[in-house]
Amino acid sequence: MSQLTPTITGVAEHQSERRRVPRIPFKATSVVTEAGSSQIVVAQTTALSRFGCFVQTAKPYPKGTRVHIEVAEAGTRFVASGAVAYVTAEGMGVVFSLVEPDNQAILEKWLSRTPKRPDRYSFTAKAAVKDLGSQIQQVLMTRDLSEGGCFVKTAAPLPKGSRILVRITHAGADFAAMGRVTDNVSAEGMGVEFIEMEANNRVVLEKWLAGETSVNDTSTRLLVGGLFLLVAAAVIAVIALMIS
């Protein structure tokens, strides 16, 4: 039997209840299809609860639109029917109306996690950042990178909340995403949160992050190996002194 959750018609009645339901930060690729239409929005889910999720997109559906949503994360896919409950400048909130038991199990598993910040890796690459308000573009350099965003070095950071288009070029590959300037604005530069990207760009991002993880793991193994050799040499030296 399918798991029923509040529909758009019950949003007002359940508003106070939904506010008491824990909502966790959750980064995953979502495909939201308008019911009875071929129109599709591919964007990033940024928050999740047992009632619904928030999808960051510059092209949200109108409030009340019936949708089919698929959320993919780490090889697992969650599917539900729902409706757009509210729309903001950042995207749209989707309330689930019908969730099958197997998908409900996936949802509960995701919600049981302890939220953690995405791992960041040192990552130097050319980044073209375009302010979508003024249409002014800066060519900068990244300092670090994660699955959720990056930090770009600049002497003229944009204001917090600025919506931008960021294009990063590295090792012969190009990556592009819609983004937002975070609270992390300093004399060194500005933090950028990725809020919307196409599937092919996510593939590029994951490939880069996998490469950085591999490099970090190799460095750790070399460091541990070097320390082991130093300790072994010290022990041998002590033994030699004792024998002599």
C-alpha atoms as a PDB file:
ATOM      1  CA  MET A   1       0.000   0.000   0.000  1.00  0.00           C
ATOM      2  CA  SER A   2       1.355   3.412  -0.902  1.00  0.00           C
ATOM      3  CA  GLN A   3       2.473   5.863   1.767  1.00  0.00           C
ATOM      4  CA  LEU A   4       0.252   8.948   1.660  1.00  0.00           C
ATOM      5  CA  THR A   5       1.549  12.340   2.677  1.00  0.00           C
ATOM      6  CA  PRO A   6      -0.151  15.770   2.624  1.00  0.00           C
ATOM      7  CA  THR A   7      -1.215  17.033  -0.791  1.00  0.00           C
ATOM      8  CA  ILE A   8      -1.129  20.630  -1.941  1.00  0.00           C
ATOM      9  CA  THR A   9      -4.767  21.070  -0.884  1.00  0.00           C
ATOM     10  CA  GLY A  10      -3.784  20.335   2.696  1.00  0.00           C
ATOM     11  CA  VAL A  11      -0.789  22.641   2.861  1.00  0.00           C
ATOM     12  CA  ALA A  12      -2.472  25.245   5.076  1.00  0.00           C
ATOM     13  CA  GLU A  13      -3.846  22.631   7.487  1.00  0.00           C
ATOM     14  CA  HIS A  14      -0.483  20.920   7.898  1.00  0.00           C
ATOM     15  CA  GLN A  15       1.724  24.027   7.923  1.00  0.00           C
ATOM     16  CA  SER A  16       2.385  23.999  11.675  1.00  0.00           C
ATOM     17  CA  GLU A  17       2.964  20.237  11.667  1.00  0.00           C
ATOM     18  CA  ARG A  18       5.476  20.426   8.814  1.00  0.00           C
ATOM     19  CA  ARG A  19       7.414  23.101  10.690  1.00  0.00           C
ATOM     20  CA  ARG A  20       7.962  20.588  13.493  1.00  0.00           C
ATOM     21  CA  VAL A  21       9.265  17.922  11.098  1.00  0.00           C
ATOM     22  CA  PRO A  22      13.090  17.820  10.920  1.00  0.00           C
ATOM     23  CA  ARG A  23      14.467  19.053   7.611  1.00  0.00           C
ATOM     24  CA  ILE A  24      18.030  18.115   6.775  1.00  0.00           C
ATOM     25  CA  PRO A  25      20.471  19.616   4.270  1.00  0.00           C
ATOM     26  CA  PHE A  26      20.555  17.184   1.377  1.00  0.00           C
ATOM     27  CA  LYS A  27      22.499  17.552  -1.869  1.00  0.00           C
ATOM     28  CA  ALA A  28      21.296  15.421  -4.770  1.00  0.00           C
ATOM     29  CA  THR A  29      20.293  15.691  -8.415  1.00  0.00           C
ATOM     30  CA  SER A  30      16.542  15.952  -8.982  1.00  0.00           C
ATOM     31  CA  VAL A  31      14.486  15.568 -12.138  1.00  0.00           C
ATOM     32  CA  VAL A  32      11.095  17.242 -11.732  1.00  0.00           C
ATOM     33  CA  THR A  33       8.529  16.606 -14.464  1.00  0.00           C
ATOM     34  CA  GLU A  34       5.254  18.494 -14.727  1.00  0.00           C
ATOM     35  CA  ALA A  35       2.314  16.080 -14.691  1.00  0.00           C
ATOM     36  CA  GLY A  36       0.765  15.660 -18.118  1.00  0.00           C
ATOM     37  CA  SER A  37       3.600  17.547 -19.795  1.00  0.00           C
ATOM     38  CA  SER A  38       7.021  16.845 -21.254  1.00  0.00           C
ATOM     39  CA  GLN A  39       8.512  19.854 -19.444  1.00  0.00           C
ATOM     40  CA  ILE A  40      11.416  18.832 -17.204  1.00  0.00           C
ATOM     41  CA  VAL A  41      13.515  20.683 -14.645  1.00  0.00           C
ATOM     42  CA  VAL A  42      16.887  19.142 -13.768  1.00  0.00           C
ATOM     43  CA  ALA A  43      18.237  20.797 -10.629  1.00  0.00           C
ATOM     44  CA  GLN A  44      19.644  20.194  -7.168  1.00  0.00           C
ATOM     45  CA  THR A  45      17.711  19.234  -4.065  1.00  0.00           C
ATOM     46  CA  THR A  46      19.133  21.102  -1.070  1.00  0.00           C
ATOM     47  CA  ALA A  47      16.783  20.143   1.779  1.00  0.00           C
ATOM     48  CA  LEU A  48      14.712  17.055   2.579  1.00  0.00           C
ATOM     49  CA  SER A  49      12.025  16.015   5.061  1.00  0.00           C
ATOM     50  CA  ARG A  50       9.466  13.219   5.235  1.00  0.00           C
ATOM     51  CA  PHE A  51       6.887  15.601   3.752  1.00  0.00           C
ATOM     52  CA  GLY A  52       8.884  16.939   0.822  1.00  0.00           C
ATOM     53  CA  CYS A  53      12.005  18.686  -0.418  1.00  0.00           C
ATOM     54  CA  PHE A  54      13.342  21.967  -1.735  1.00  0.00           C
ATOM     55  CA  VAL A  55      14.653  22.145  -5.300  1.00  0.00           C
ATOM     56  CA  GLN A  56      16.950  25.042  -6.176  1.00  0.00           C
ATOM     57  CA  THR A  57      16.243  26.292  -9.685  1.00  0.00           C
ATOM     58  CA  ALA A  58      15.995  29.525 -11.604  1.00  0.00           C
ATOM     59  CA  LYS A  59      12.951  28.128 -13.449  1.00  0.00           C
ATOM     60  CA  PRO A  60      10.487  26.850 -10.835  1.00  0.00           C
ATOM     61  CA  TYR A  61       7.016  25.638 -11.731  1.00  0.00           C
ATOM     62  CA  PRO A  62       4.078  27.768 -10.503  1.00  0.00           C
ATOM     63  CA  LYS A  63       2.661  27.043  -7.061  1.00  0.00           C
ATOM     64  CA  GLY A  64       0.141  24.208  -7.234  1.00  0.00           C
ATOM     65  CA  THR A  65       1.712  22.470 -10.239  1.00  0.00           C
ATOM     66  CA  ARG A  66       1.408  18.689 -10.006  1.00  0.00           C
ATOM     67  CA  VAL A  67       4.786  17.027 -10.498  1.00  0.00           C
ATOM     68  CA  HIS A  68       6.640  13.735 -10.641  1.00  0.00           C
ATOM     69  CA  ILE A  69      10.025  13.928  -8.904  1.00  0.00           C
ATOM     70  CA  GLU A  70      13.047  11.646  -9.081  1.00  0.00           C
ATOM     71  CA  VAL A  71      15.962  12.235  -6.696  1.00  0.00           C
ATOM     72  CA  ALA A  72      19.255  10.424  -7.347  1.00  0.00           C
ATOM     73  CA  GLU A  73      22.055  10.214  -4.809  1.00  0.00           C
ATOM     74  CA  ALA A  74      25.039   7.821  -4.644  1.00  0.00           C
ATOM     75  CA  GLY A  75      23.425   5.304  -6.980  1.00  0.00           C
ATOM     76  CA  THR A  76      20.073   5.281  -5.152  1.00  0.00           C
ATOM     77  CA  ARG A  77      16.924   6.692  -6.748  1.00  0.00           C
ATOM     78  CA  PHE A  78      13.837   7.980  -4.915  1.00  0.00           C
ATOM     79  CA  VAL A  79      10.590   8.556  -6.818  1.00  0.00           C
ATOM     80  CA  ALA A  80       7.389  10.293  -5.718  1.00  0.00           C
ATOM     81  CA  SER A  81       4.372  12.206  -6.942  1.00  0.00           C
ATOM     82  CA  GLY A  82       3.756  15.626  -5.492  1.00  0.00           C
ATOM     83  CA  ALA A  83       2.949  19.273  -6.001  1.00  0.00           C
ATOM     84  CA  VAL A  84       4.733  22.602  -5.802  1.00  0.00           C
ATOM     85  CA  ALA A  85       3.820  24.001  -2.370  1.00  0.00           C
ATOM     86  CA  TYR A  86       5.650  27.319  -2.596  1.00  0.00           C
ATOM     87  CA  VAL A  87       8.033  29.257  -4.845  1.00  0.00           C
ATOM     88  CA  THR A  88      10.899  31.587  -3.855  1.00  0.00           C
ATOM     89  CA  ALA A  89      13.706  33.398  -5.630  1.00  0.00           C
ATOM     90  CA  GLU A  90      15.880  30.352  -4.914  1.00  0.00           C
ATOM     91  CA  GLY A  91      13.582  27.642  -6.265  1.00  0.00           C
ATOM     92  CA  MET A  92      10.507  25.646  -5.256  1.00  0.00           C
ATOM     93  CA  GLY A  93       9.307  23.569  -2.353  1.00  0.00           C
ATOM     94  CA  VAL A  94       7.767  20.253  -3.372  1.00  0.00           C
ATOM     95  CA  VAL A  95       5.361  18.411  -1.062  1.00  0.00           C
ATOM     96  CA  PHE A  96       5.106  14.647  -1.602  1.00  0.00           C
ATOM     97  CA  SER A  97       1.570  13.347  -2.167  1.00  0.00           C
ATOM     98  CA  LEU A  98       2.213   9.692  -3.025  1.00  0.00           C
ATOM     99  CA  VAL A  99       5.248   7.612  -2.039  1.00  0.00           C
ATOM    100  CA  GLU A 100       5.424   3.859  -2.657  1.00  0.00           C
ATOM    101  CA  PRO A 101       6.711   1.655   0.227  1.00  0.00           C
ATOM    102  CA  ASP A 102      10.114   0.939  -1.339  1.00  0.00           C
ATOM    103  CA  ASN A 103      10.674   4.637  -1.949  1.00  0.00           C
ATOM    104  CA  GLN A 104       9.466   5.452   1.574  1.00  0.00           C
ATOM    105  CA  ALA A 105      12.207   3.136   2.879  1.00  0.00           C
ATOM    106  CA  ILE A 106      14.807   5.047   0.834  1.00  0.00           C
ATOM    107  CA  LEU A 107      13.478   8.361   2.149  1.00  0.00           C
ATOM    108  CA  GLU A 108      13.622   7.200   5.766  1.00  0.00           C
ATOM    109  CA  LYS A 109      17.165   5.909   5.286  1.00  0.00           C
ATOM    110  CA  TRP A 110      18.287   9.275   3.910  1.00  0.00           C
ATOM    111  CA  LEU A 111      16.574  11.137   6.744  1.00  0.00           C
ATOM    112  CA  SER A 112      18.279   8.957   9.370  1.00  0.00           C
ATOM    113  CA  ARG A 113      21.694  10.244   8.380  1.00  0.00           C
ATOM    114  CA  THR A 114      23.660  12.699  10.449  1.00  0.00           C
ATOM    115  CA  PRO A 115      24.119  15.758   8.215  1.00  0.00           C
ATOM    116  CA  LYS A 116      27.711  16.674   7.468  1.00  0.00           C
ATOM    117  CA  ARG A 117      29.429  19.296   5.400  1.00  0.00           C
ATOM    118  CA  PRO A 118      30.740  18.132   2.020  1.00  0.00           C
ATOM    119  CA  ASP A 119      34.459  17.392   1.916  1.00  0.00           C
ATOM    120  CA  ARG A 120      36.457  20.242   0.398  1.00  0.00           C
ATOM    121  CA  TYR A 121      39.661  19.711  -1.560  1.00  0.00           C
ATOM    122  CA  SER A 122      42.359  22.145  -2.584  1.00  0.00           C
ATOM    123  CA  PHE A 123      41.649  22.776  -6.248  1.00  0.00           C
ATOM    124  CA  THR A 124      43.273  25.425  -8.432  1.00  0.00           C
ATOM    125  CA  ALA A 125      41.570  26.114 -11.755  1.00  0.00           C
ATOM    126  CA  LYS A 126      40.407  29.002 -13.916  1.00  0.00           C
ATOM    127  CA  ALA A 127      36.874  30.141 -13.085  1.00  0.00           C
ATOM    128  CA  ALA A 128      34.781  32.617 -15.085  1.00  0.00           C
ATOM    129  CA  VAL A 129      32.171  34.098 -12.752  1.00  0.00           C
ATOM    130  CA  LYS A 130      29.292  36.097 -14.266  1.00  0.00           C
ATOM    131  CA  ASP A 131      27.012  38.187 -12.055  1.00  0.00           C
ATOM    132  CA  LEU A 132      23.497  37.539 -13.389  1.00  0.00           C
ATOM    133  CA  GLY A 133      22.345  40.900 -12.074  1.00  0.00           C
ATOM    134  CA  SER A 134      24.912  43.228 -13.611  1.00  0.00           C
ATOM    135  CA  GLN A 135      26.047  40.782 -16.329  1.00  0.00           C
ATOM    136  CA  ILE A 136      29.658  41.637 -15.378  1.00  0.00           C
ATOM    137  CA  GLN A 137      32.078  38.734 -15.695  1.00  0.00           C
ATOM    138  CA  GLN A 138      35.322  38.156 -13.793  1.00  0.00           C
ATOM    139  CA  VAL A 139      37.990  35.586 -14.689  1.00  0.00           C
ATOM    140  CA  LEU A 140      39.296  34.235 -11.395  1.00  0.00           C
ATOM    141  CA  MET A 141      40.990  31.199  -9.816  1.00  0.00           C
ATOM    142  CA  THR A 142      39.443  28.637  -7.498  1.00  0.00           C
ATOM    143  CA  ARG A 143      41.021  27.793  -4.142  1.00  0.00           C
ATOM    144  CA  ASP A 144      39.008  24.723  -3.231  1.00  0.00           C
ATOM    145  CA  LEU A 145      36.142  22.574  -4.500  1.00  0.00           C
ATOM    146  CA  SER A 146      33.402  20.325  -3.086  1.00  0.00           C
ATOM    147  CA  GLU A 147      30.255  18.662  -4.410  1.00  0.00           C
ATOM    148  CA  GLY A 148      28.265  21.627  -3.137  1.00  0.00           C
ATOM    149  CA  GLY A 149      30.383  24.560  -4.245  1.00  0.00           C
ATOM    150  CA  CYS A 150      33.795  26.213  -4.404  1.00  0.00           C
ATOM    151  CA  PHE A 151      35.807  29.179  -3.179  1.00  0.00           C
ATOM    152  CA  VAL A 152      37.109  31.647  -5.740  1.00  0.00           C
ATOM    153  CA  LYS A 153      39.895  34.131  -5.055  1.00  0.00           C
ATOM    154  CA  THR A 154      39.121  37.746  -5.913  1.00  0.00           C
ATOM    155  CA  ALA A 155      39.908  41.219  -4.621  1.00  0.00           C
ATOM    156  CA  ALA A 156      36.378  42.324  -5.571  1.00  0.00           C
ATOM    157  CA  PRO A 157      33.941  39.720  -4.198  1.00  0.00           C
ATOM    158  CA  LEU A 158      30.244  40.011  -5.022  1.00  0.00           C
ATOM    159  CA  PRO A 159      27.692  40.667  -2.260  1.00  0.00           C
ATOM    160  CA  LYS A 160      26.270  37.757  -0.274  1.00  0.00           C
ATOM    161  CA  GLY A 161      23.301  36.186  -2.074  1.00  0.00           C
ATOM    162  CA  SER A 162      24.325  37.305  -5.576  1.00  0.00           C
ATOM    163  CA  ARG A 163      23.177  34.845  -8.228  1.00  0.00           C
ATOM    164  CA  ILE A 164      25.943  33.884 -10.630  1.00  0.00           C
ATOM    165  CA  LEU A 165      26.930  31.629 -13.487  1.00  0.00           C
ATOM    166  CA  VAL A 166      30.275  29.944 -12.830  1.00  0.00           C
ATOM    167  CA  ARG A 167      32.352  28.163 -15.479  1.00  0.00           C
ATOM    168  CA  ILE A 168      35.440  26.220 -14.357  1.00  0.00           C
ATOM    169  CA  THR A 169      38.095  24.872 -16.727  1.00  0.00           C
ATOM    170  CA  HIS A 170      40.510  22.186 -15.543  1.00  0.00           C
ATOM    171  CA  ALA A 171      42.575  19.440 -17.204  1.00  0.00           C
ATOM    172  CA  GLY A 172      40.886  19.898 -20.566  1.00  0.00           C
ATOM    173  CA  ALA A 173      37.347  19.666 -19.159  1.00  0.00           C
ATOM    174  CA  ASP A 174      34.724  22.370 -18.622  1.00  0.00           C
ATOM    175  CA  PHE A 175      32.134  22.619 -15.844  1.00  0.00           C
ATOM    176  CA  ALA A 176      29.249  25.089 -15.539  1.00  0.00           C
ATOM    177  CA  ALA A 177      26.623  25.700 -12.869  1.00  0.00           C
ATOM    178  CA  MET A 178      24.218  28.307 -11.596  1.00  0.00           C
ATOM    179  CA  GLY A 179      25.371  29.461  -8.180  1.00  0.00           C
ATOM    180  CA  ARG A 180      24.889  31.781  -5.250  1.00  0.00           C
ATOM    181  CA  VAL A 181      27.468  33.720  -3.236  1.00  0.00           C
ATOM    182  CA  THR A 182      27.451  32.362   0.325  1.00  0.00           C
ATOM    183  CA  ASP A 183      28.117  34.047   3.673  1.00  0.00           C
ATOM    184  CA  ASN A 184      31.799  33.257   3.191  1.00  0.00           C
ATOM    185  CA  VAL A 185      32.864  36.615   1.713  1.00  0.00           C
ATOM    186  CA  SER A 186      36.261  37.985   2.738  1.00  0.00           C
ATOM    187  CA  ALA A 187      39.263  39.943   1.515  1.00  0.00           C
ATOM    188  CA  GLU A 188      40.528  36.666   0.006  1.00  0.00           C
ATOM    189  CA  GLY A 189      37.473  36.049  -2.150  1.00  0.00           C
ATOM    190  CA  MET A 190      34.017  34.475  -1.931  1.00  0.00           C
ATOM    191  CA  GLY A 191      32.353  31.143  -1.362  1.00  0.00           C
ATOM    192  CA  VAL A 192      30.037  29.888  -4.101  1.00  0.00           C
ATOM    193  CA  GLU A 193      27.218  27.391  -3.616  1.00  0.00           C
ATOM    194  CA  PHE A 194      26.169  25.391  -6.687  1.00  0.00           C
ATOM    195  CA  ILE A 195      22.368  25.526  -6.934  1.00  0.00           C
ATOM    196  CA  GLU A 196      21.668  24.162 -10.408  1.00  0.00           C
ATOM    197  CA  MET A 197      23.657  22.149 -12.934  1.00  0.00           C
ATOM    198  CA  GLU A 198      23.044  19.852 -15.882  1.00  0.00           C
ATOM    199  CA  ALA A 199      23.718  16.121 -15.545  1.00  0.00           C
ATOM    200  CA  ASN A 200      26.827  16.244 -17.780  1.00  0.00           C
ATOM    201  CA  ASN A 201      28.341  18.945 -15.566  1.00  0.00           C
ATOM    202  CA  ARG A 202      27.726  16.866 -12.448  1.00  0.00           C
ATOM    203  CA  VAL A 203      29.633  14.015 -14.112  1.00  0.00           C
ATOM    204  CA  VAL A 204      32.610  16.359 -14.663  1.00  0.00           C
ATOM    205  CA  LEU A 205      32.427  17.576 -11.036  1.00  0.00           C
ATOM    206  CA  GLU A 206      32.324  14.045  -9.629  1.00  0.00           C
ATOM    207  CA  LYS A 207      35.276  13.036 -11.831  1.00  0.00           C
ATOM    208  CA  TRP A 208      37.343  15.967 -10.549  1.00  0.00           C
ATOM    209  CA  LEU A 209      36.460  15.208  -6.922  1.00  0.00           C
ATOM    210  CA  ALA A 210      37.283  11.521  -7.401  1.00  0.00           C
ATOM    211  CA  GLY A 211      40.700  12.538  -8.735  1.00  0.00           C
ATOM    212  CA  GLU A 212      41.330  14.821  -5.748  1.00  0.00           C
ATOM    213  CA  THR A 213      40.299  12.062  -3.347  1.00  0.00           C
ATOM    214  CA  SER A 214      42.736   9.678  -5.021  1.00  0.00           C
ATOM    215  CA  VAL A 215      45.560  12.211  -4.750  1.00  0.00           C
ATOM    216  CA  ASN A 216      44.822  12.825  -1.070  1.00  0.00           C
ATOM    217  CA  ASP A 217      44.720   9.078  -0.327  1.00  0.00           C
ATOM    218  CA  THR A 218      48.051   8.585  -2.100  1.00  0.00           C
ATOM    219  CA  SER A 219      49.624  11.458  -0.157  1.00  0.00           C
ATOM    220  CA  THR A 220      48.389   9.982   3.107  1.00  0.00           C
ATOM    221  CA  ARG A 221      49.854   6.570   2.285  1.00  0.00           C
ATOM    222  CA  LEU A 222      53.205   8.132   1.358  1.00  0.00           C
ATOM    223  CA  LEU A 223      53.259  10.136   4.605  1.00  0.00           C
ATOM    224  CA  VAL A 224      52.463   7.090   6.737  1.00  0.00           C
ATOM    225  CA  GLY A 225      55.056   5.056   4.851  1.00  0.00           C
ATOM    226  CA  GLY A 226      57.695   7.749   5.373  1.00  0.00           C
ATOM    227  CA  LEU A 227      56.975   7.963   9.106  1.00  0.00           C
ATOM    228  CA  PHE A 228      57.230   4.175   9.397  1.00  0.00           C
ATOM    229  CA  LEU A 229      60.657   4.209   7.731  1.00  0.00           C
ATOM    230  CA  LEU A 230      61.864   6.982  10.062  1.00  0.00           C
ATOM    231  CA  VAL A 231      60.711   5.074  13.137  1.00  0.00           C
ATOM    232  CA  ALA A 232      62.303   1.866  11.861  1.00  0.00           C
ATOM    233  CA  ALA A 233      65.592   3.669  11.216  1.00  0.00           C
ATOM    234  CA  ALA A 234      65.537   5.154  14.717  1.00  0.00           C
ATOM    235  CA  VAL A 235      64.917   1.739  16.291  1.00  0.00           C
ATOM    236  CA  ILE A 236      67.764   0.197  14.307  1.00  0.00           C
ATOM    237  CA  ALA A 237      70.079   3.016  15.385  1.00  0.00           C
ATOM    238  CA  VAL A 238      69.192   2.486  19.057  1.00  0.00           C
ATOM    239  CA  ILE A 239      69.768  -1.266  18.779  1.00  0.00           C
ATOM    240  CA  ALA A 240      73.135  -0.671  17.101  1.00  0.00           C
ATOM    241  CA  LEU A 241      74.231   1.620  19.937  1.00  0.00           C
ATOM    242  CA  MET A 242      73.151  -0.934  22.546  1.00  0.00           C
ATOM    243  CA  ILE A 243      75.131  -3.699  20.834  1.00  0.00           C
ATOM    244  CA  SER A 244      78.245  -1.576  20.501  1.00  0.00           C
END
